[in-house]
Amino acid sequence: MNAELRYEGVPGSELDRIRCNSYDDFGNAVVSRTSEGGEPLRCCLTLAGPGERIALVAHRPMTVGGPYAEVGPVFVHVTDCPGPDEGFPIDFQDRQAVLRPYDAAGQMLDGVVAEPGTSETELKLLFGDPAVDTVQVRNVVAGCWNFTVRRQG
């Protein structure tokens, strides 16, 4: 399944623009600090480790598709990182998640609450429907977007 799907955080070009401007899309200053550990990093789809330099690059949603506004902070590494690995991010596998499938036109088709450890199975079921083009994976507790999964090609 991993070869068929692409896992995406915040696009690198968007992060470059925000880092260059030092402000998010709503005029809030980018704030960097040393992590105490555990912040979800949207650039590489991992959790920050203690002592890592991270930046708060948005206080509100960036240009993430879908009908629901994101709430909550967006953390990334202060400098560029290699981005996400292939496959469902290991740091998110043991969390409850909402999976929101969309068609190619951006219309939400359904929604699934995946219990810890079941997100990959639920994604496989959702992408079994040929109408599903994209799935947003969101945090159940905060309701915020974590990453997007797309079909390859």
Foldseek 3Di string as FASTA:
>chain_A
DLVFKDKAFPDPVQVVVLLVVQAAPVRHGKDKDFDCWACQARFARAIDHGRFIKIFRDQWDDPDADDDTFHGTHMHGNDHDPHYDTDDRPRPQQAWKKKWFAFPVRHTDDIDTAHRNCVVVVVVVVVVPVRTAKIFIAHPVRRGTRIMMGTDD
